[in-house]
Amino acid sequence: MAAGLDAEYASIDALADVVEEDEARALQAHVAQLTSETTALRAQLHRAAALESKLEARKCVLVTNTTRLYDEAKALVEERDAAPCTCGREA
C-alpha cells in the first residue's frame, strides 16, 4: 500500500511539474509579447516626438512669416495714407 501511495505521489509531482512548466512557458510568451508591444509603443512615441518637434518648427516659421507680412501690409497702408490724394477729391 505504501508503494502505491509513493507511486501516486510521484505521479502527482510529475503532473505538477508539467503544469508548472506549461505555466512558465505561457508566462514567458506573454512577457515576450508585452516586451514587443512596449518596444513598438516606444518607437511610436519617438516618432510622435519628432513630428511634434517638426510641427513646432513649422509653427515658428508661420508666425514669423505672418508677422513679417502684417508689418509689410501695415507699412503699405501707412505709405498709402501718407501719400497725397490723387483721385481728384479730398480725403
PDB file of N, CA and C in Angstrom:
ATOM      1  N   MET A   1       0.815  -1.181   0.000  1.00  0.00           N
ATOM      2  CA  MET A   1       0.000   0.000   0.000  1.00  0.00           C
ATOM      3  C   MET A   1       0.867   1.257   0.000  1.00  0.00           C
ATOM      4  N   ALA A   2       1.945   1.243   0.758  1.00  0.00           N
ATOM      5  CA  ALA A   2       2.847   2.388   0.791  1.00  0.00           C
ATOM      6  C   ALA A   2       3.475   2.606  -0.574  1.00  0.00           C
ATOM      7  N   ALA A   3       3.779   1.515  -1.258  1.00  0.00           N
ATOM      8  CA  ALA A   3       4.370   1.638  -2.593  1.00  0.00           C
ATOM      9  C   ALA A   3       3.365   2.267  -3.551  1.00  0.00           C
ATOM     10  N   GLY A   4       2.107   1.931  -3.406  1.00  0.00           N
ATOM     11  CA  GLY A   4       1.058   2.511  -4.245  1.00  0.00           C
ATOM     12  C   GLY A   4       0.910   3.998  -3.997  1.00  0.00           C
ATOM     13  N   LEU A   5       0.986   4.399  -2.716  1.00  0.00           N
ATOM     14  CA  LEU A   5       0.898   5.828  -2.383  1.00  0.00           C
ATOM     15  C   LEU A   5       2.111   6.577  -2.897  1.00  0.00           C
ATOM     16  N   ASP A   6       3.289   5.954  -2.753  1.00  0.00           N
ATOM     17  CA  ASP A   6       4.504   6.602  -3.255  1.00  0.00           C
ATOM     18  C   ASP A   6       4.416   6.816  -4.765  1.00  0.00           C
ATOM     19  N   ALA A   7       3.903   5.831  -5.471  1.00  0.00           N
ATOM     20  CA  ALA A   7       3.747   5.950  -6.921  1.00  0.00           C
ATOM     21  C   ALA A   7       2.727   7.031  -7.259  1.00  0.00           C
ATOM     22  N   GLU A   8       1.660   7.090  -6.477  1.00  0.00           N
ATOM     23  CA  GLU A   8       0.620   8.114  -6.694  1.00  0.00           C
ATOM     24  C   GLU A   8       1.192   9.512  -6.463  1.00  0.00           C
ATOM     25  N   TYR A   9       1.956   9.681  -5.379  1.00  0.00           N
ATOM     26  CA  TYR A   9       2.589  10.975  -5.093  1.00  0.00           C
ATOM     27  C   TYR A   9       3.582  11.348  -6.186  1.00  0.00           C
ATOM     28  N   ALA A  10       4.339  10.386  -6.658  1.00  0.00           N
ATOM     29  CA  ALA A  10       5.305  10.638  -7.728  1.00  0.00           C
ATOM     30  C   ALA A  10       4.576  11.074  -8.995  1.00  0.00           C
ATOM     31  N   SER A  11       3.453  10.449  -9.277  1.00  0.00           N
ATOM     32  CA  SER A  11       2.654  10.806 -10.447  1.00  0.00           C
ATOM     33  C   SER A  11       2.101  12.224 -10.314  1.00  0.00           C
ATOM     34  N   ILE A  12       1.632  12.550  -9.119  1.00  0.00           N
ATOM     35  CA  ILE A  12       1.102  13.900  -8.862  1.00  0.00           C
ATOM     36  C   ILE A  12       2.217  14.931  -8.986  1.00  0.00           C
ATOM     37  N   ASP A  13       3.397  14.620  -8.436  1.00  0.00           N
ATOM     38  CA  ASP A  13       4.536  15.545  -8.538  1.00  0.00           C
ATOM     39  C   ASP A  13       4.942  15.756  -9.993  1.00  0.00           C
ATOM     40  N   ALA A  14       4.955  14.673 -10.767  1.00  0.00           N
ATOM     41  CA  ALA A  14       5.319  14.778 -12.182  1.00  0.00           C
ATOM     42  C   ALA A  14       4.300  15.632 -12.928  1.00  0.00           C
ATOM     43  N   LEU A  15       3.027  15.433 -12.636  1.00  0.00           N
ATOM     44  CA  LEU A  15       1.973  16.223 -13.268  1.00  0.00           C
ATOM     45  C   LEU A  15       2.093  17.695 -12.871  1.00  0.00           C
ATOM     46  N   ALA A  16       2.387  17.954 -11.605  1.00  0.00           N
ATOM     47  CA  ALA A  16       2.564  19.332 -11.134  1.00  0.00           C
ATOM     48  C   ALA A  16       3.738  19.989 -11.844  1.00  0.00           C
ATOM     49  N   ASP A  17       4.820  19.231 -12.057  1.00  0.00           N
ATOM     50  CA  ASP A  17       5.976  19.776 -12.771  1.00  0.00           C
ATOM     51  C   ASP A  17       5.605  20.153 -14.207  1.00  0.00           C
ATOM     52  N   VAL A  18       4.822  19.300 -14.865  1.00  0.00           N
ATOM     53  CA  VAL A  18       4.389  19.582 -16.237  1.00  0.00           C
ATOM     54  C   VAL A  18       3.524  20.836 -16.274  1.00  0.00           C
ATOM     55  N   VAL A  19       2.602  20.940 -15.320  1.00  0.00           N
ATOM     56  CA  VAL A  19       1.724  22.115 -15.256  1.00  0.00           C
ATOM     57  C   VAL A  19       2.551  23.372 -15.009  1.00  0.00           C
ATOM     58  N   GLU A  20       3.511  23.310 -14.095  1.00  0.00           N
ATOM     59  CA  GLU A  20       4.357  24.473 -13.804  1.00  0.00           C
ATOM     60  C   GLU A  20       5.175  24.868 -15.027  1.00  0.00           C
ATOM     61  N   GLU A  21       5.691  23.886 -15.751  1.00  0.00           N
ATOM     62  CA  GLU A  21       6.461  24.181 -16.960  1.00  0.00           C
ATOM     63  C   GLU A  21       5.574  24.824 -18.024  1.00  0.00           C
ATOM     64  N   ASP A  22       4.364  24.317 -18.175  1.00  0.00           N
ATOM     65  CA  ASP A  22       3.424  24.911 -19.136  1.00  0.00           C
ATOM     66  C   ASP A  22       3.088  26.349 -18.753  1.00  0.00           C
ATOM     67  N   GLU A  23       2.843  26.565 -17.463  1.00  0.00           N
ATOM     68  CA  GLU A  23       2.537  27.920 -16.993  1.00  0.00           C
ATOM     69  C   GLU A  23       3.736  28.838 -17.190  1.00  0.00           C
ATOM     70  N   ALA A  24       4.919  28.318 -16.925  1.00  0.00           N
ATOM     71  CA  ALA A  24       6.129  29.127 -17.100  1.00  0.00           C
ATOM     72  C   ALA A  24       6.309  29.499 -18.572  1.00  0.00           C
ATOM     73  N   ARG A  25       6.090  28.551 -19.483  1.00  0.00           N
ATOM     74  CA  ARG A  25       6.205  28.848 -20.914  1.00  0.00           C
ATOM     75  C   ARG A  25       5.154  29.879 -21.336  1.00  0.00           C
ATOM     76  N   ALA A  26       3.947  29.724 -20.819  1.00  0.00           N
ATOM     77  CA  ALA A  26       2.882  30.676 -21.156  1.00  0.00           C
ATOM     78  C   ALA A  26       3.233  32.072 -20.650  1.00  0.00           C
ATOM     79  N   LEU A  27       3.772  32.148 -19.440  1.00  0.00           N
ATOM     80  CA  LEU A  27       4.168  33.451 -18.894  1.00  0.00           C
ATOM     81  C   LEU A  27       5.322  34.049 -19.695  1.00  0.00           C
ATOM     82  N   GLN A  28       6.276  33.218 -20.090  1.00  0.00           N
ATOM     83  CA  GLN A  28       7.393  33.715 -20.894  1.00  0.00           C
ATOM     84  C   GLN A  28       6.897  34.247 -22.236  1.00  0.00           C
ATOM     85  N   ALA A  29       5.966  33.546 -22.844  1.00  0.00           N
ATOM     86  CA  ALA A  29       5.405  34.009 -24.113  1.00  0.00           C
ATOM     87  C   ALA A  29       4.671  35.333 -23.924  1.00  0.00           C
ATOM     88  N   HIS A  30       3.944  35.459 -22.827  1.00  0.00           N
ATOM     89  CA  HIS A  30       3.212  36.694 -22.549  1.00  0.00           C
ATOM     90  C   HIS A  30       4.188  37.845 -22.308  1.00  0.00           C
ATOM     91  N   VAL A  31       5.243  37.580 -21.563  1.00  0.00           N
ATOM     92  CA  VAL A  31       6.255  38.613 -21.310  1.00  0.00           C
ATOM     93  C   VAL A  31       6.912  39.033 -22.624  1.00  0.00           C
ATOM     94  N   ALA A  32       7.207  38.068 -23.484  1.00  0.00           N
ATOM     95  CA  ALA A  32       7.809  38.389 -24.783  1.00  0.00           C
ATOM     96  C   ALA A  32       6.866  39.261 -25.612  1.00  0.00           C
ATOM     97  N   GLN A  33       5.588  38.946 -25.589  1.00  0.00           N
ATOM     98  CA  GLN A  33       4.603  39.740 -26.330  1.00  0.00           C
ATOM     99  C   GLN A  33       4.531  41.154 -25.769  1.00  0.00           C
ATOM    100  N   LEU A  34       4.482  41.273 -24.446  1.00  0.00           N
ATOM    101  CA  LEU A  34       4.420  42.600 -23.831  1.00  0.00           C
ATOM    102  C   LEU A  34       5.682  43.401 -24.113  1.00  0.00           C
ATOM    103  N   THR A  35       6.827  42.741 -24.109  1.00  0.00           N
ATOM    104  CA  THR A  35       8.083  43.415 -24.416  1.00  0.00           C
ATOM    105  C   THR A  35       8.067  43.939 -25.847  1.00  0.00           C
ATOM    106  N   SER A  36       7.581  43.127 -26.758  1.00  0.00           N
ATOM    107  CA  SER A  36       7.482  43.536 -28.161  1.00  0.00           C
ATOM    108  C   SER A  36       6.538  44.725 -28.312  1.00  0.00           C
ATOM    109  N   GLU A  37       5.399  44.668 -27.656  1.00  0.00           N
ATOM    110  CA  GLU A  37       4.435  45.771 -27.729  1.00  0.00           C
ATOM    111  C   GLU A  37       5.012  47.042 -27.115  1.00  0.00           C
ATOM    112  N   THR A  38       5.745  46.899 -26.019  1.00  0.00           N
ATOM    113  CA  THR A  38       6.366  48.055 -25.371  1.00  0.00           C
ATOM    114  C   THR A  38       7.394  48.695 -26.297  1.00  0.00           C
ATOM    115  N   THR A  39       8.181  47.865 -26.960  1.00  0.00           N
ATOM    116  CA  THR A  39       9.172  48.374 -27.907  1.00  0.00           C
ATOM    117  C   THR A  39       8.488  49.132 -29.042  1.00  0.00           C
ATOM    118  N   ALA A  40       7.408  48.579 -29.553  1.00  0.00           N
ATOM    119  CA  ALA A  40       6.664  49.248 -30.630  1.00  0.00           C
ATOM    120  C   ALA A  40       6.087  50.575 -30.147  1.00  0.00           C
ATOM    121  N   LEU A  41       5.559  50.598 -28.940  1.00  0.00           N
ATOM    122  CA  LEU A  41       4.994  51.842 -28.398  1.00  0.00           C
ATOM    123  C   LEU A  41       6.078  52.893 -28.188  1.00  0.00           C
ATOM    124  N   ARG A  42       7.258  52.458 -27.750  1.00  0.00           N
ATOM    125  CA  ARG A  42       8.365  53.412 -27.587  1.00  0.00           C
ATOM    126  C   ARG A  42       8.760  54.007 -28.936  1.00  0.00           C
ATOM    127  N   ALA A  43       8.791  53.170 -29.959  1.00  0.00           N
ATOM    128  CA  ALA A  43       9.122  53.667 -31.299  1.00  0.00           C
ATOM    129  C   ALA A  43       8.079  54.684 -31.759  1.00  0.00           C
ATOM    130  N   GLN A  44       6.811  54.400 -31.514  1.00  0.00           N
ATOM    131  CA  GLN A  44       5.746  55.344 -31.881  1.00  0.00           C
ATOM    132  C   GLN A  44       5.892  56.648 -31.104  1.00  0.00           C
ATOM    133  N   LEU A  45       6.261  56.544 -29.841  1.00  0.00           N
ATOM    134  CA  LEU A  45       6.448  57.732 -29.015  1.00  0.00           C
ATOM    135  C   LEU A  45       7.588  58.590 -29.557  1.00  0.00           C
ATOM    136  N   HIS A  46       8.680  57.955 -29.967  1.00  0.00           N
ATOM    137  CA  HIS A  46       9.801  58.705 -30.539  1.00  0.00           C
ATOM    138  C   HIS A  46       9.396  59.374 -31.853  1.00  0.00           C
ATOM    139  N   ARG A  47       8.634  58.661 -32.684  1.00  0.00           N
ATOM    140  CA  ARG A  47       8.165  59.260 -33.936  1.00  0.00           C
ATOM    141  C   ARG A  47       7.239  60.446 -33.647  1.00  0.00           C
ATOM    142  N   ALA A  48       6.374  60.291 -32.660  1.00  0.00           N
ATOM    143  CA  ALA A  48       5.454  61.379 -32.302  1.00  0.00           C
ATOM    144  C   ALA A  48       6.231  62.596 -31.803  1.00  0.00           C
ATOM    145  N   ALA A  49       7.268  62.355 -31.014  1.00  0.00           N
ATOM    146  CA  ALA A  49       8.078  63.465 -30.512  1.00  0.00           C
ATOM    147  C   ALA A  49       8.788  64.176 -31.661  1.00  0.00           C
ATOM    148  N   ALA A  50       9.283  63.400 -32.626  1.00  0.00           N
ATOM    149  CA  ALA A  50       9.945  64.009 -33.786  1.00  0.00           C
ATOM    150  C   ALA A  50       8.953  64.832 -34.599  1.00  0.00           C
ATOM    151  N   LEU A  51       7.753  64.307 -34.795  1.00  0.00           N
ATOM    152  CA  LEU A  51       6.728  65.051 -35.531  1.00  0.00           C
ATOM    153  C   LEU A  51       6.320  66.312 -34.780  1.00  0.00           C
ATOM    154  N   GLU A  52       6.219  66.210 -33.469  1.00  0.00           N
ATOM    155  CA  GLU A  52       5.870  67.383 -32.667  1.00  0.00           C
ATOM    156  C   GLU A  52       6.937  68.463 -32.812  1.00  0.00           C
ATOM    157  N   SER A  53       8.191  68.049 -32.822  1.00  0.00           N
ATOM    158  CA  SER A  53       9.288  68.999 -32.984  1.00  0.00           C
ATOM    159  C   SER A  53       9.221  69.681 -34.351  1.00  0.00           C
ATOM    160  N   LYS A  54       8.961  68.899 -35.403  1.00  0.00           N
ATOM    161  CA  LYS A  54       8.826  69.478 -36.742  1.00  0.00           C
ATOM    162  C   LYS A  54       7.655  70.449 -36.796  1.00  0.00           C
ATOM    163  N   LEU A  55       6.546  70.066 -36.176  1.00  0.00           N
ATOM    164  CA  LEU A  55       5.367  70.923 -36.164  1.00  0.00           C
ATOM    165  C   LEU A  55       5.657  72.232 -35.441  1.00  0.00           C
ATOM    166  N   GLU A  56       6.370  72.161 -34.337  1.00  0.00           N
ATOM    167  CA  GLU A  56       6.717  73.370 -33.587  1.00  0.00           C
ATOM    168  C   GLU A  56       7.605  74.283 -34.435  1.00  0.00           C
ATOM    169  N   ALA A  57       8.557  73.691 -35.152  1.00  0.00           N
ATOM    170  CA  ALA A  57       9.436  74.488 -36.020  1.00  0.00           C
ATOM    171  C   ALA A  57       8.629  75.153 -37.131  1.00  0.00           C
ATOM    172  N   ARG A  58       7.713  74.415 -37.725  1.00  0.00           N
ATOM    173  CA  ARG A  58       6.879  74.988 -38.790  1.00  0.00           C
ATOM    174  C   ARG A  58       5.976  76.088 -38.243  1.00  0.00           C
ATOM    175  N   LYS A  59       5.495  75.908 -37.024  1.00  0.00           N
ATOM    176  CA  LYS A  59       4.657  76.934 -36.399  1.00  0.00           C
ATOM    177  C   LYS A  59       5.464  78.218 -36.218  1.00  0.00           C
ATOM    178  N   CYS A  60       6.713  78.080 -35.795  1.00  0.00           N
ATOM    179  CA  CYS A  60       7.561  79.260 -35.617  1.00  0.00           C
ATOM    180  C   CYS A  60       7.774  79.984 -36.943  1.00  0.00           C
ATOM    181  N   VAL A  61       8.005  79.224 -38.021  1.00  0.00           N
ATOM    182  CA  VAL A  61       8.170  79.826 -39.346  1.00  0.00           C
ATOM    183  C   VAL A  61       6.885  80.535 -39.754  1.00  0.00           C
ATOM    184  N   LEU A  62       5.756  79.906 -39.514  1.00  0.00           N
ATOM    185  CA  LEU A  62       4.469  80.500 -39.867  1.00  0.00           C
ATOM    186  C   LEU A  62       4.240  81.803 -39.102  1.00  0.00           C
ATOM    187  N   VAL A  63       4.541  81.806 -37.817  1.00  0.00           N
ATOM    188  CA  VAL A  63       4.369  83.023 -37.017  1.00  0.00           C
ATOM    189  C   VAL A  63       5.298  84.119 -37.531  1.00  0.00           C
ATOM    190  N   THR A  64       6.533  83.751 -37.825  1.00  0.00           N
ATOM    191  CA  THR A  64       7.495  84.734 -38.341  1.00  0.00           C
ATOM    192  C   THR A  64       7.020  85.317 -39.667  1.00  0.00           C
ATOM    193  N   ASN A  65       6.593  84.448 -40.575  1.00  0.00           N
ATOM    194  CA  ASN A  65       6.124  84.921 -41.884  1.00  0.00           C
ATOM    195  C   ASN A  65       4.862  85.764 -41.758  1.00  0.00           C
ATOM    196  N   THR A  66       3.952  85.357 -40.895  1.00  0.00           N
ATOM    197  CA  THR A  66       2.719  86.119 -40.693  1.00  0.00           C
ATOM    198  C   THR A  66       3.030  87.497 -40.121  1.00  0.00           C
ATOM    199  N   THR A  67       3.935  87.548 -39.173  1.00  0.00           N
ATOM    200  CA  THR A  67       4.327  88.831 -38.576  1.00  0.00           C
ATOM    201  C   THR A  67       4.971  89.730 -39.629  1.00  0.00           C
ATOM    202  N   ARG A  68       5.841  89.152 -40.447  1.00  0.00           N
ATOM    203  CA  ARG A  68       6.503  89.927 -41.499  1.00  0.00           C
ATOM    204  C   ARG A  68       5.472  90.472 -42.493  1.00  0.00           C
ATOM    205  N   LEU A  69       4.540  89.616 -42.915  1.00  0.00           N
ATOM    206  CA  LEU A  69       3.507  90.065 -43.860  1.00  0.00           C
ATOM    207  C   LEU A  69       2.624  91.145 -43.246  1.00  0.00           C
ATOM    208  N   TYR A  70       2.292  91.005 -41.979  1.00  0.00           N
ATOM    209  CA  TYR A  70       1.487  92.021 -41.298  1.00  0.00           C
ATOM    210  C   TYR A  70       2.239  93.350 -41.276  1.00  0.00           C
ATOM    211  N   ASP A  71       3.520  93.286 -40.919  1.00  0.00           N
ATOM    212  CA  ASP A  71       4.318  94.515 -40.862  1.00  0.00           C
ATOM    213  C   ASP A  71       4.431  95.170 -42.236  1.00  0.00           C
ATOM    214  N   GLU A  72       4.615  94.351 -43.283  1.00  0.00           N
ATOM    215  CA  GLU A  72       4.686  94.898 -44.644  1.00  0.00           C
ATOM    216  C   GLU A  72       3.356  95.533 -45.044  1.00  0.00           C
ATOM    217  N   ALA A  73       2.255  94.868 -44.734  1.00  0.00           N
ATOM    218  CA  ALA A  73       0.932  95.417 -45.061  1.00  0.00           C
ATOM    219  C   ALA A  73       0.686  96.710 -44.297  1.00  0.00           C
ATOM    220  N   LYS A  74       1.078  96.733 -43.045  1.00  0.00           N
ATOM    221  CA  LYS A  74       0.904  97.940 -42.229  1.00  0.00           C
ATOM    222  C   LYS A  74       1.715  99.097 -42.815  1.00  0.00           C
ATOM    223  N   ALA A  75       2.938  98.807 -43.246  1.00  0.00           N
ATOM    224  CA  ALA A  75       3.778  99.851 -43.843  1.00  0.00           C
ATOM    225  C   ALA A  75       3.162 100.359 -45.142  1.00  0.00           C
ATOM    226  N   LEU A  76       2.607  99.467 -45.949  1.00  0.00           N
ATOM    227  CA  LEU A  76       1.958  99.887 -47.196  1.00  0.00           C
ATOM    228  C   LEU A  76       0.741 100.758 -46.923  1.00  0.00           C
ATOM    229  N   VAL A  77      -0.048 100.399 -45.925  1.00  0.00           N
ATOM    230  CA  VAL A  77      -1.223 101.205 -45.571  1.00  0.00           C
ATOM    231  C   VAL A  77      -0.786 102.573 -45.073  1.00  0.00           C
ATOM    232  N   GLU A  78       0.257 102.621 -44.256  1.00  0.00           N
ATOM    233  CA  GLU A  78       0.751 103.908 -43.754  1.00  0.00           C
ATOM    234  C   GLU A  78       1.293 104.759 -44.897  1.00  0.00           C
ATOM    235  N   GLU A  79       1.984 104.101 -45.841  1.00  0.00           N
ATOM    236  CA  GLU A  79       2.510 104.822 -47.006  1.00  0.00           C
ATOM    237  C   GLU A  79       1.367 105.365 -47.859  1.00  0.00           C
ATOM    238  N   ARG A  80       0.349 104.555 -48.057  1.00  0.00           N
ATOM    239  CA  ARG A  80      -0.816 104.983 -48.833  1.00  0.00           C
ATOM    240  C   ARG A  80      -1.516 106.145 -48.139  1.00  0.00           C
ATOM    241  N   ASP A  81      -1.704 106.021 -46.839  1.00  0.00           N
ATOM    242  CA  ASP A  81      -2.405 107.078 -46.099  1.00  0.00           C
ATOM    243  C   ASP A  81      -1.601 108.371 -46.048  1.00  0.00           C
ATOM    244  N   ALA A  82      -0.282 108.272 -46.109  1.00  0.00           N
ATOM    245  CA  ALA A  82       0.558 109.472 -46.055  1.00  0.00           C
ATOM    246  C   ALA A  82       0.680 110.144 -47.418  1.00  0.00           C
ATOM    247  N   ALA A  83       0.397 109.432 -48.487  1.00  0.00           N
ATOM    248  CA  ALA A  83       0.520 109.999 -49.838  1.00  0.00           C
ATOM    249  C   ALA A  83      -0.636 110.962 -50.098  1.00  0.00           C
ATOM    250  N   PRO A  84      -0.371 111.997 -50.905  1.00  0.00           N
ATOM    251  CA  PRO A  84      -1.462 112.920 -51.238  1.00  0.00           C
ATOM    252  C   PRO A  84      -2.505 112.212 -52.101  1.00  0.00           C
ATOM    253  N   CYS A  85      -3.706 112.674 -51.977  1.00  0.00           N
ATOM    254  CA  CYS A  85      -4.815 112.078 -52.715  1.00  0.00           C
ATOM    255  C   CYS A  85      -4.658 112.412 -54.193  1.00  0.00           C
ATOM    256  N   THR A  86      -4.712 111.387 -55.038  1.00  0.00           N
ATOM    257  CA  THR A  86      -4.559 111.605 -56.486  1.00  0.00           C
ATOM    258  C   THR A  86      -5.852 111.339 -57.239  1.00  0.00           C
ATOM    259  N   CYS A  87      -6.926 111.192 -56.523  1.00  0.00           N
ATOM    260  CA  CYS A  87      -8.182 110.829 -57.173  1.00  0.00           C
ATOM    261  C   CYS A  87      -9.012 112.053 -57.548  1.00  0.00           C
ATOM    262  N   GLY A  88      -8.534 113.248 -57.272  1.00  0.00           N
ATOM    263  CA  GLY A  88      -9.272 114.447 -57.612  1.00  0.00           C
ATOM    264  C   GLY A  88     -10.219 114.885 -56.519  1.00  0.00           C
ATOM    265  N   ARG A  89     -10.283 114.126 -55.437  1.00  0.00           N
ATOM    266  CA  ARG A  89     -11.140 114.509 -54.311  1.00  0.00           C
ATOM    267  C   ARG A  89     -10.282 114.617 -53.068  1.00  0.00           C
ATOM    268  N   GLU A  90     -10.751 115.399 -52.184  1.00  0.00           N
ATOM    269  CA  GLU A  90     -10.062 115.497 -50.904  1.00  0.00           C
ATOM    270  C   GLU A  90     -10.496 114.347 -50.021  1.00  0.00           C
ATOM    271  N   ALA A  91      -9.558 113.831 -49.263  1.00  0.00           N
ATOM    272  CA  ALA A  91      -9.870 112.708 -48.375  1.00  0.00           C
ATOM    273  C   ALA A  91     -10.617 113.167 -47.166  1.00  0.00           C
TER     274      ALA A  91
END
